[in-house]
Amino acid sequence: VQLQASGGGLVQAGGSLRLSCAASGFAVSSYAMYWYRQAPGKQRELVASISSGGSTNYADSVKGRFAISRDNAKNTVYLQMDTLKLEDTAVYYCKAQYGTAYWGKGTQVTVSS
């Protein structure tokens, strides 16, 4: 099982980014998939999740701005991030869970003023 997150970068406040989490070794359609983030000096926090059935959940801080989705054909999970704020700056990680949890390496998102 491998997860490869990409799509991070530097963006101005109010801008958008789309993160991708490409999976191999399993089908994302069968797993609950998550996006977490960790800002400097802070604990890792759950940002968004999508169940195998397609139900989504979001942290209150990103509701209405972020959207998690899944492309089963590409075996990839996405996090569309709009109206980015300075406080969204963090390393973003994807996680797959079906009993055991698997983590990918993070991708840095930096929001500037």
N, C-alpha and C. Protein backbone atom coordinates (compact mmCIF):
# COMPACT_ATOMS: atom_id res chain seq x y z
N VAL A 1 0.85 -1.19 0.00
CA VAL A 1 0.00 0.00 0.00
C VAL A 1 0.89 1.24 0.00
N GLN A 2 0.62 2.12 -0.95
CA GLN A 2 1.37 3.38 -1.00
C GLN A 2 0.42 4.52 -1.31
N LEU A 3 0.72 5.66 -0.70
CA LEU A 3 -0.04 6.88 -0.94
C LEU A 3 0.95 7.98 -1.28
N GLN A 4 0.67 8.69 -2.36
CA GLN A 4 1.55 9.77 -2.79
C GLN A 4 0.73 11.06 -2.89
N ALA A 5 0.99 11.97 -1.97
CA ALA A 5 0.28 13.25 -1.98
C ALA A 5 1.08 14.26 -2.81
N SER A 6 0.36 15.09 -3.52
CA SER A 6 0.99 16.13 -4.33
C SER A 6 0.03 17.29 -4.49
N GLY A 7 0.53 18.37 -5.07
CA GLY A 7 -0.32 19.51 -5.36
C GLY A 7 -0.15 20.69 -4.43
N GLY A 8 0.66 20.54 -3.42
CA GLY A 8 0.89 21.66 -2.51
C GLY A 8 1.71 22.75 -3.18
N GLY A 9 1.81 23.86 -2.48
CA GLY A 9 2.59 24.96 -3.02
C GLY A 9 2.33 26.23 -2.27
N LEU A 10 2.77 27.34 -2.86
CA LEU A 10 2.59 28.66 -2.29
C LEU A 10 1.45 29.37 -3.02
N VAL A 11 0.51 29.89 -2.26
CA VAL A 11 -0.64 30.55 -2.86
C VAL A 11 -1.01 31.75 -1.99
N GLN A 12 -1.56 32.77 -2.63
CA GLN A 12 -2.00 33.93 -1.87
C GLN A 12 -3.33 33.65 -1.18
N ALA A 13 -3.55 34.34 -0.10
CA ALA A 13 -4.82 34.23 0.60
C ALA A 13 -5.96 34.52 -0.38
N GLY A 14 -6.99 33.70 -0.30
CA GLY A 14 -8.12 33.82 -1.21
C GLY A 14 -8.02 32.92 -2.43
N GLY A 15 -6.84 32.37 -2.63
CA GLY A 15 -6.61 31.52 -3.78
C GLY A 15 -7.05 30.09 -3.56
N SER A 16 -6.73 29.25 -4.54
CA SER A 16 -7.15 27.85 -4.52
C SER A 16 -5.98 26.93 -4.84
N LEU A 17 -6.09 25.73 -4.32
CA LEU A 17 -5.17 24.64 -4.66
C LEU A 17 -5.97 23.35 -4.68
N ARG A 18 -5.50 22.39 -5.45
CA ARG A 18 -6.08 21.06 -5.41
C ARG A 18 -4.99 20.05 -5.09
N LEU A 19 -5.17 19.37 -3.99
CA LEU A 19 -4.25 18.31 -3.59
C LEU A 19 -4.72 16.98 -4.15
N SER A 20 -3.76 16.16 -4.50
CA SER A 20 -4.06 14.81 -4.99
C SER A 20 -3.38 13.79 -4.10
N CYS A 21 -4.02 12.66 -3.94
CA CYS A 21 -3.45 11.54 -3.20
C CYS A 21 -3.61 10.31 -4.07
N ALA A 22 -2.55 9.94 -4.75
CA ALA A 22 -2.58 8.78 -5.64
C ALA A 22 -2.26 7.52 -4.84
N ALA A 23 -3.11 6.53 -4.98
CA ALA A 23 -2.96 5.30 -4.21
C ALA A 23 -2.51 4.15 -5.09
N SER A 24 -1.76 3.24 -4.50
CA SER A 24 -1.40 2.01 -5.19
C SER A 24 -1.42 0.87 -4.18
N GLY A 25 -1.74 -0.30 -4.66
CA GLY A 25 -1.78 -1.46 -3.79
C GLY A 25 -3.13 -1.75 -3.19
N PHE A 26 -4.08 -0.86 -3.42
CA PHE A 26 -5.44 -1.06 -2.93
C PHE A 26 -6.35 -0.13 -3.71
N ALA A 27 -7.64 -0.34 -3.58
CA ALA A 27 -8.61 0.50 -4.26
C ALA A 27 -9.17 1.54 -3.31
N VAL A 28 -9.05 2.80 -3.67
CA VAL A 28 -9.54 3.86 -2.78
C VAL A 28 -11.04 3.76 -2.58
N SER A 29 -11.72 3.11 -3.52
CA SER A 29 -13.17 2.98 -3.39
C SER A 29 -13.56 2.07 -2.24
N SER A 30 -12.64 1.26 -1.78
CA SER A 30 -12.93 0.30 -0.72
C SER A 30 -12.52 0.78 0.66
N TYR A 31 -11.82 1.88 0.71
CA TYR A 31 -11.27 2.39 1.96
C TYR A 31 -11.91 3.71 2.33
N ALA A 32 -11.93 3.99 3.62
CA ALA A 32 -12.19 5.35 4.06
C ALA A 32 -10.89 6.14 3.84
N MET A 33 -11.02 7.31 3.25
CA MET A 33 -9.87 8.13 2.93
C MET A 33 -9.96 9.46 3.67
N TYR A 34 -8.83 9.93 4.10
CA TYR A 34 -8.79 11.14 4.94
C TYR A 34 -7.71 12.10 4.46
N TRP A 35 -7.95 13.36 4.70
CA TRP A 35 -6.92 14.39 4.61
C TRP A 35 -6.74 14.99 6.01
N TYR A 36 -5.49 15.03 6.44
CA TYR A 36 -5.11 15.67 7.69
C TYR A 36 -4.14 16.81 7.37
N ARG A 37 -3.93 17.66 8.35
CA ARG A 37 -2.90 18.68 8.20
C ARG A 37 -2.23 18.92 9.55
N GLN A 38 -1.00 19.39 9.45
CA GLN A 38 -0.25 19.71 10.66
C GLN A 38 0.51 21.00 10.43
N ALA A 39 0.14 22.00 11.20
CA ALA A 39 0.82 23.29 11.15
C ALA A 39 1.99 23.27 12.14
N PRO A 40 2.98 24.13 11.93
CA PRO A 40 4.13 24.16 12.84
C PRO A 40 3.71 24.37 14.29
N GLY A 41 4.20 23.52 15.16
CA GLY A 41 3.92 23.65 16.58
C GLY A 41 2.54 23.18 16.99
N LYS A 42 1.79 22.61 16.06
CA LYS A 42 0.44 22.16 16.37
C LYS A 42 0.30 20.67 16.11
N GLN A 43 -0.75 20.10 16.70
CA GLN A 43 -1.03 18.69 16.48
C GLN A 43 -1.66 18.48 15.11
N ARG A 44 -1.46 17.29 14.60
CA ARG A 44 -2.10 16.94 13.34
C ARG A 44 -3.62 16.91 13.54
N GLU A 45 -4.33 17.49 12.59
CA GLU A 45 -5.79 17.55 12.72
C GLU A 45 -6.46 17.02 11.46
N LEU A 46 -7.63 16.44 11.66
CA LEU A 46 -8.42 15.93 10.56
C LEU A 46 -9.09 17.08 9.81
N VAL A 47 -8.93 17.08 8.51
CA VAL A 47 -9.51 18.13 7.68
C VAL A 47 -10.78 17.65 6.98
N ALA A 48 -10.69 16.48 6.36
CA ALA A 48 -11.83 15.98 5.59
C ALA A 48 -11.72 14.47 5.45
N SER A 49 -12.86 13.85 5.24
CA SER A 49 -12.88 12.40 5.04
C SER A 49 -13.95 12.04 4.03
N ILE A 50 -13.75 10.89 3.40
CA ILE A 50 -14.75 10.34 2.50
C ILE A 50 -14.79 8.84 2.75
N SER A 51 -15.99 8.34 3.00
CA SER A 51 -16.14 6.92 3.30
C SER A 51 -16.16 6.12 2.01
N SER A 52 -16.09 4.81 2.15
CA SER A 52 -16.17 3.95 0.97
C SER A 52 -17.52 4.13 0.27
N GLY A 53 -18.52 4.52 1.02
CA GLY A 53 -19.83 4.75 0.42
C GLY A 53 -20.00 6.13 -0.17
N GLY A 54 -18.99 6.99 0.03
CA GLY A 54 -19.04 8.32 -0.56
C GLY A 54 -19.48 9.43 0.36
N SER A 55 -19.77 9.11 1.62
CA SER A 55 -20.15 10.16 2.57
C SER A 55 -18.93 10.98 2.93
N THR A 56 -19.14 12.28 3.03
CA THR A 56 -18.03 13.19 3.33
C THR A 56 -18.26 13.92 4.64
N ASN A 57 -17.16 14.27 5.29
CA ASN A 57 -17.20 15.07 6.50
C ASN A 57 -16.04 16.05 6.49
N TYR A 58 -16.25 17.19 7.15
CA TYR A 58 -15.25 18.24 7.14
C TYR A 58 -15.07 18.83 8.53
N ALA A 59 -13.87 19.30 8.79
CA ALA A 59 -13.65 20.09 9.99
C ALA A 59 -14.42 21.39 9.85
N ASP A 60 -14.90 21.92 10.96
CA ASP A 60 -15.67 23.16 10.91
C ASP A 60 -14.87 24.28 10.26
N SER A 61 -13.57 24.27 10.47
CA SER A 61 -12.73 25.36 9.96
C SER A 61 -12.63 25.40 8.44
N VAL A 62 -13.00 24.31 7.77
CA VAL A 62 -12.87 24.28 6.30
C VAL A 62 -14.21 24.07 5.60
N LYS A 63 -15.27 23.89 6.34
CA LYS A 63 -16.58 23.67 5.72
C LYS A 63 -16.94 24.82 4.81
N GLY A 64 -17.41 24.48 3.63
CA GLY A 64 -17.79 25.49 2.66
C GLY A 64 -16.64 25.98 1.80
N ARG A 65 -15.41 25.62 2.17
CA ARG A 65 -14.23 26.06 1.41
C ARG A 65 -13.48 24.90 0.77
N PHE A 66 -13.48 23.76 1.44
CA PHE A 66 -12.74 22.59 0.96
C PHE A 66 -13.74 21.52 0.52
N ALA A 67 -13.31 20.71 -0.43
CA ALA A 67 -14.14 19.60 -0.88
C ALA A 67 -13.26 18.39 -1.16
N ILE A 68 -13.61 17.27 -0.57
CA ILE A 68 -12.90 16.02 -0.80
C ILE A 68 -13.68 15.22 -1.84
N SER A 69 -12.95 14.58 -2.73
CA SER A 69 -13.59 13.77 -3.75
C SER A 69 -12.69 12.61 -4.11
N ARG A 70 -13.25 11.71 -4.90
CA ARG A 70 -12.52 10.48 -5.21
C ARG A 70 -12.76 10.13 -6.68
N ASP A 71 -11.70 9.76 -7.37
CA ASP A 71 -11.81 9.28 -8.75
C ASP A 71 -11.38 7.82 -8.74
N ASN A 72 -12.34 6.93 -8.78
CA ASN A 72 -12.02 5.51 -8.66
C ASN A 72 -11.21 5.02 -9.85
N ALA A 73 -11.48 5.56 -11.02
CA ALA A 73 -10.75 5.13 -12.21
C ALA A 73 -9.26 5.47 -12.11
N LYS A 74 -8.97 6.61 -11.49
CA LYS A 74 -7.58 7.03 -11.32
C LYS A 74 -7.01 6.59 -9.98
N ASN A 75 -7.86 5.98 -9.17
CA ASN A 75 -7.45 5.52 -7.85
C ASN A 75 -6.80 6.65 -7.05
N THR A 76 -7.46 7.79 -7.08
CA THR A 76 -6.92 9.01 -6.50
C THR A 76 -8.00 9.73 -5.71
N VAL A 77 -7.58 10.32 -4.62
CA VAL A 77 -8.46 11.16 -3.81
C VAL A 77 -7.94 12.60 -3.90
N TYR A 78 -8.88 13.53 -3.94
CA TYR A 78 -8.53 14.94 -4.10
C TYR A 78 -9.02 15.76 -2.92
N LEU A 79 -8.36 16.87 -2.70
CA LEU A 79 -8.86 17.88 -1.77
C LEU A 79 -8.80 19.22 -2.49
N GLN A 80 -9.97 19.69 -2.90
CA GLN A 80 -10.07 21.01 -3.51
C GLN A 80 -10.15 22.04 -2.40
N MET A 81 -9.25 22.99 -2.41
CA MET A 81 -9.19 23.99 -1.35
C MET A 81 -9.38 25.37 -1.97
N ASP A 82 -10.46 26.01 -1.63
CA ASP A 82 -10.79 27.33 -2.14
C ASP A 82 -10.79 28.35 -1.01
N THR A 83 -10.73 29.61 -1.39
CA THR A 83 -10.75 30.71 -0.42
C THR A 83 -9.76 30.44 0.71
N LEU A 84 -8.54 30.13 0.34
CA LEU A 84 -7.54 29.75 1.33
C LEU A 84 -7.21 30.91 2.25
N LYS A 85 -6.95 30.56 3.50
CA LYS A 85 -6.62 31.53 4.53
C LYS A 85 -5.20 31.27 5.04
N LEU A 86 -4.64 32.28 5.69
CA LEU A 86 -3.29 32.12 6.24
C LEU A 86 -3.21 30.91 7.17
N GLU A 87 -4.29 30.69 7.92
CA GLU A 87 -4.29 29.60 8.89
C GLU A 87 -4.42 28.22 8.26
N ASP A 88 -4.58 28.16 6.96
CA ASP A 88 -4.58 26.87 6.27
C ASP A 88 -3.16 26.39 5.97
N THR A 89 -2.18 27.22 6.25
CA THR A 89 -0.79 26.84 6.04
C THR A 89 -0.44 25.64 6.91
N ALA A 90 0.04 24.58 6.29
CA ALA A 90 0.35 23.34 7.00
C ALA A 90 0.91 22.33 6.01
N VAL A 91 1.40 21.24 6.57
CA VAL A 91 1.70 20.08 5.74
C VAL A 91 0.45 19.21 5.73
N TYR A 92 0.02 18.85 4.54
CA TYR A 92 -1.20 18.07 4.37
C TYR A 92 -0.84 16.62 4.06
N TYR A 93 -1.55 15.72 4.76
CA TYR A 93 -1.29 14.29 4.62
C TYR A 93 -2.57 13.57 4.23
N CYS A 94 -2.44 12.54 3.43
CA CYS A 94 -3.60 11.69 3.18
C CYS A 94 -3.41 10.36 3.93
N LYS A 95 -4.53 9.79 4.28
CA LYS A 95 -4.55 8.54 5.02
C LYS A 95 -5.62 7.64 4.46
N ALA A 96 -5.32 6.35 4.41
CA ALA A 96 -6.30 5.34 4.02
C ALA A 96 -6.50 4.43 5.22
N GLN A 97 -7.72 4.04 5.44
CA GLN A 97 -7.99 3.16 6.57
C GLN A 97 -9.04 2.11 6.22
N TYR A 98 -8.63 0.87 6.47
CA TYR A 98 -9.56 -0.27 6.39
C TYR A 98 -9.06 -1.23 7.46
N GLY A 99 -9.41 -0.93 8.69
CA GLY A 99 -8.75 -1.60 9.80
C GLY A 99 -7.43 -0.89 10.04
N THR A 100 -6.41 -1.32 9.35
CA THR A 100 -5.09 -0.69 9.44
C THR A 100 -5.11 0.66 8.74
N ALA A 101 -4.35 1.59 9.30
CA ALA A 101 -4.23 2.92 8.70
C ALA A 101 -2.91 3.02 7.95
N TYR A 102 -2.96 3.65 6.78
CA TYR A 102 -1.77 3.88 5.98
C TYR A 102 -1.67 5.38 5.71
N TRP A 103 -0.47 5.91 5.89
CA TRP A 103 -0.23 7.33 5.69
C TRP A 103 0.69 7.57 4.50
N GLY A 104 0.42 8.64 3.81
CA GLY A 104 1.33 9.08 2.78
C GLY A 104 2.24 10.17 3.33
N LYS A 105 3.29 10.50 2.57
CA LYS A 105 4.11 11.64 2.94
C LYS A 105 3.33 12.91 2.66
N GLY A 106 3.63 13.93 3.38
CA GLY A 106 2.85 15.15 3.28
C GLY A 106 3.25 16.02 2.11
N THR A 107 2.40 16.99 1.84
CA THR A 107 2.68 18.01 0.85
C THR A 107 2.45 19.37 1.51
N GLN A 108 3.39 20.27 1.33
CA GLN A 108 3.35 21.56 2.02
C GLN A 108 2.42 22.54 1.30
N VAL A 109 1.55 23.14 2.07
CA VAL A 109 0.69 24.23 1.58
C VAL A 109 1.03 25.48 2.37
N THR A 110 1.41 26.52 1.66
CA THR A 110 1.73 27.78 2.31
C THR A 110 0.86 28.87 1.73
N VAL A 111 0.11 29.53 2.59
CA VAL A 111 -0.78 30.61 2.17
C VAL A 111 -0.17 31.93 2.64
N SER A 112 0.05 32.82 1.70
CA SER A 112 0.68 34.10 2.01
C SER A 112 -0.32 35.24 1.93
N SER A 113 0.01 36.32 2.61
CA SER A 113 -0.90 37.49 2.60
C SER A 113 -0.61 38.40 1.42
